[in-house]
Amino acid sequence: MSAFATYLVGFIILILGLALAAYLLNVPPLWIVAGVIALVGIGVLTATSHTKTRDPAHRDPPPPRNPPSV
């Protein structure tokens, strides 16, 4: 399993736990759904930013050396 999938699965488990706690605290279901949608979006954004591969630093080749003047 990739790092992205592992991160996202953990985040989904966290969201389910928070949604269950909100349900047990008698939070209206519409607010629970809105919170779950927002947290899934945050989870995807953070998983992407934490697991994306970094592009190697692009370096321009050094300029050609001029032959010494005589």
N, C-alpha and C. Protein backbone atom coordinates (compact mmCIF):
# COMPACT_ATOMS: atom_id res chain seq x y z
N MET A 1 0.85 -1.17 0.00
CA MET A 1 0.00 0.00 0.00
C MET A 1 0.90 1.24 0.00
N SER A 2 0.54 2.20 -0.81
CA SER A 2 1.37 3.40 -0.91
C SER A 2 1.22 4.27 0.34
N ALA A 3 2.14 5.18 0.50
CA ALA A 3 2.10 6.09 1.65
C ALA A 3 0.83 6.95 1.61
N PHE A 4 0.42 7.33 0.40
CA PHE A 4 -0.78 8.15 0.25
C PHE A 4 -2.01 7.38 0.75
N ALA A 5 -2.13 6.12 0.35
CA ALA A 5 -3.28 5.31 0.75
C ALA A 5 -3.28 5.07 2.26
N THR A 6 -2.12 4.79 2.82
CA THR A 6 -2.02 4.58 4.26
C THR A 6 -2.43 5.83 5.03
N TYR A 7 -1.95 6.97 4.59
CA TYR A 7 -2.29 8.24 5.24
C TYR A 7 -3.79 8.48 5.16
N LEU A 8 -4.36 8.23 3.97
CA LEU A 8 -5.78 8.48 3.78
C LEU A 8 -6.65 7.52 4.59
N VAL A 9 -6.26 6.25 4.68
CA VAL A 9 -7.01 5.29 5.48
C VAL A 9 -7.01 5.71 6.95
N GLY A 10 -5.87 6.12 7.46
CA GLY A 10 -5.80 6.60 8.84
C GLY A 10 -6.67 7.81 9.07
N PHE A 11 -6.68 8.71 8.11
CA PHE A 11 -7.49 9.92 8.23
C PHE A 11 -8.98 9.59 8.19
N ILE A 12 -9.37 8.62 7.35
CA ILE A 12 -10.77 8.21 7.27
C ILE A 12 -11.21 7.59 8.60
N ILE A 13 -10.35 6.78 9.21
CA ILE A 13 -10.68 6.20 10.51
C ILE A 13 -10.87 7.30 11.56
N LEU A 14 -10.02 8.31 11.53
CA LEU A 14 -10.17 9.45 12.44
C LEU A 14 -11.50 10.15 12.21
N ILE A 15 -11.85 10.37 10.95
CA ILE A 15 -13.10 11.05 10.62
C ILE A 15 -14.31 10.24 11.10
N LEU A 16 -14.26 8.92 10.91
CA LEU A 16 -15.37 8.08 11.37
C LEU A 16 -15.53 8.16 12.89
N GLY A 17 -14.41 8.18 13.60
CA GLY A 17 -14.48 8.30 15.05
C GLY A 17 -15.07 9.64 15.48
N LEU A 18 -14.67 10.70 14.81
CA LEU A 18 -15.22 12.02 15.14
C LEU A 18 -16.70 12.11 14.80
N ALA A 19 -17.10 11.51 13.68
CA ALA A 19 -18.51 11.52 13.29
C ALA A 19 -19.35 10.73 14.29
N LEU A 20 -18.84 9.60 14.75
CA LEU A 20 -19.56 8.81 15.75
C LEU A 20 -19.69 9.60 17.06
N ALA A 21 -18.63 10.25 17.47
CA ALA A 21 -18.68 11.06 18.70
C ALA A 21 -19.70 12.19 18.55
N ALA A 22 -19.74 12.82 17.38
CA ALA A 22 -20.71 13.90 17.15
C ALA A 22 -22.13 13.35 17.19
N TYR A 23 -22.34 12.16 16.62
CA TYR A 23 -23.66 11.54 16.65
C TYR A 23 -24.08 11.25 18.08
N LEU A 24 -23.17 10.73 18.88
CA LEU A 24 -23.48 10.41 20.27
C LEU A 24 -23.74 11.67 21.10
N LEU A 25 -23.21 12.80 20.66
CA LEU A 25 -23.46 14.08 21.34
C LEU A 25 -24.69 14.80 20.80
N ASN A 26 -25.46 14.09 19.95
CA ASN A 26 -26.71 14.61 19.38
C ASN A 26 -26.51 15.84 18.49
N VAL A 27 -25.40 15.86 17.77
CA VAL A 27 -25.18 16.91 16.77
C VAL A 27 -26.10 16.60 15.59
N PRO A 28 -26.76 17.60 15.00
CA PRO A 28 -27.65 17.34 13.87
C PRO A 28 -26.89 16.65 12.71
N PRO A 29 -27.53 15.66 12.08
CA PRO A 29 -26.86 14.89 11.02
C PRO A 29 -26.34 15.75 9.87
N LEU A 30 -27.02 16.83 9.54
CA LEU A 30 -26.56 17.69 8.45
C LEU A 30 -25.20 18.29 8.78
N TRP A 31 -24.97 18.67 10.03
CA TRP A 31 -23.68 19.22 10.44
C TRP A 31 -22.60 18.14 10.45
N ILE A 32 -23.00 16.92 10.79
CA ILE A 32 -22.03 15.82 10.77
C ILE A 32 -21.58 15.56 9.34
N VAL A 33 -22.51 15.54 8.39
CA VAL A 33 -22.17 15.31 6.98
C VAL A 33 -21.28 16.44 6.47
N ALA A 34 -21.62 17.68 6.82
CA ALA A 34 -20.80 18.81 6.38
C ALA A 34 -19.38 18.71 6.95
N GLY A 35 -19.26 18.32 8.20
CA GLY A 35 -17.94 18.16 8.81
C GLY A 35 -17.15 17.04 8.17
N VAL A 36 -17.82 15.92 7.87
CA VAL A 36 -17.14 14.80 7.23
C VAL A 36 -16.63 15.20 5.85
N ILE A 37 -17.43 15.89 5.08
CA ILE A 37 -17.01 16.32 3.74
C ILE A 37 -15.81 17.26 3.83
N ALA A 38 -15.86 18.20 4.75
CA ALA A 38 -14.74 19.14 4.92
C ALA A 38 -13.48 18.40 5.35
N LEU A 39 -13.61 17.46 6.28
CA LEU A 39 -12.43 16.73 6.76
C LEU A 39 -11.85 15.80 5.70
N VAL A 40 -12.69 15.21 4.86
CA VAL A 40 -12.18 14.39 3.76
C VAL A 40 -11.36 15.25 2.81
N GLY A 41 -11.86 16.45 2.52
CA GLY A 41 -11.10 17.36 1.66
C GLY A 41 -9.76 17.74 2.27
N ILE A 42 -9.76 18.05 3.55
CA ILE A 42 -8.51 18.37 4.23
C ILE A 42 -7.57 17.17 4.23
N GLY A 43 -8.13 15.98 4.42
CA GLY A 43 -7.32 14.76 4.41
C GLY A 43 -6.64 14.52 3.08
N VAL A 44 -7.37 14.72 1.99
CA VAL A 44 -6.78 14.53 0.66
C VAL A 44 -5.69 15.57 0.42
N LEU A 45 -5.94 16.81 0.80
CA LEU A 45 -4.93 17.86 0.60
C LEU A 45 -3.66 17.57 1.40
N THR A 46 -3.81 17.20 2.64
CA THR A 46 -2.62 16.96 3.46
C THR A 46 -1.90 15.68 3.03
N ALA A 47 -2.66 14.65 2.65
CA ALA A 47 -2.02 13.42 2.18
C ALA A 47 -1.22 13.67 0.92
N THR A 48 -1.78 14.48 0.04
CA THR A 48 -1.07 14.81 -1.20
C THR A 48 0.19 15.61 -0.92
N SER A 49 0.09 16.59 -0.04
CA SER A 49 1.26 17.43 0.22
C SER A 49 2.34 16.67 0.99
N HIS A 50 1.96 15.70 1.82
CA HIS A 50 2.95 14.96 2.61
C HIS A 50 3.60 13.82 1.83
N THR A 51 2.93 13.33 0.79
CA THR A 51 3.45 12.14 0.12
C THR A 51 3.89 12.39 -1.31
N LYS A 52 3.72 13.58 -1.83
CA LYS A 52 4.13 13.80 -3.23
C LYS A 52 5.65 13.78 -3.32
N THR A 53 6.14 13.32 -4.46
CA THR A 53 7.59 13.28 -4.64
C THR A 53 8.06 14.67 -5.05
N ARG A 54 9.15 15.03 -4.52
CA ARG A 54 9.71 16.35 -4.81
C ARG A 54 10.43 16.31 -6.14
N ASP A 55 10.27 17.36 -6.92
CA ASP A 55 11.00 17.47 -8.17
C ASP A 55 12.46 17.78 -7.86
N PRO A 56 13.38 17.15 -8.57
CA PRO A 56 14.79 17.48 -8.32
C PRO A 56 15.06 18.93 -8.69
N ALA A 57 15.99 19.50 -7.96
CA ALA A 57 16.33 20.91 -8.23
C ALA A 57 16.90 21.03 -9.64
N HIS A 58 16.34 21.93 -10.38
CA HIS A 58 16.81 22.14 -11.76
C HIS A 58 17.97 23.12 -11.73
N ARG A 59 19.08 22.69 -12.26
CA ARG A 59 20.25 23.56 -12.33
C ARG A 59 20.62 23.78 -13.78
N ASP A 60 20.86 25.02 -14.10
CA ASP A 60 21.34 25.34 -15.45
C ASP A 60 22.80 24.96 -15.55
N PRO A 61 23.21 24.49 -16.72
CA PRO A 61 24.63 24.17 -16.86
C PRO A 61 25.47 25.45 -16.76
N PRO A 62 26.69 25.33 -16.28
CA PRO A 62 27.52 26.54 -16.17
C PRO A 62 27.81 27.10 -17.56
N PRO A 63 28.00 28.39 -17.65
CA PRO A 63 28.28 29.00 -18.96
C PRO A 63 29.65 28.51 -19.46
N PRO A 64 29.81 28.43 -20.78
CA PRO A 64 31.09 27.97 -21.31
C PRO A 64 32.20 28.96 -20.96
N ARG A 65 33.38 28.42 -20.72
CA ARG A 65 34.52 29.28 -20.39
C ARG A 65 35.09 29.88 -21.68
N ASN A 66 35.42 31.12 -21.57
CA ASN A 66 36.06 31.78 -22.72
C ASN A 66 37.56 31.45 -22.68
N PRO A 67 38.13 31.18 -23.85
CA PRO A 67 39.57 30.91 -23.84
C PRO A 67 40.32 32.19 -23.42
N PRO A 68 41.42 32.02 -22.73
CA PRO A 68 42.17 33.21 -22.29
C PRO A 68 42.66 34.02 -23.49
N SER A 69 42.62 35.33 -23.36
CA SER A 69 43.12 36.21 -24.43
C SER A 69 44.62 36.33 -24.33
N VAL A 70 45.26 36.37 -25.48
CA VAL A 70 46.71 36.46 -25.51
C VAL A 70 47.14 37.86 -25.80
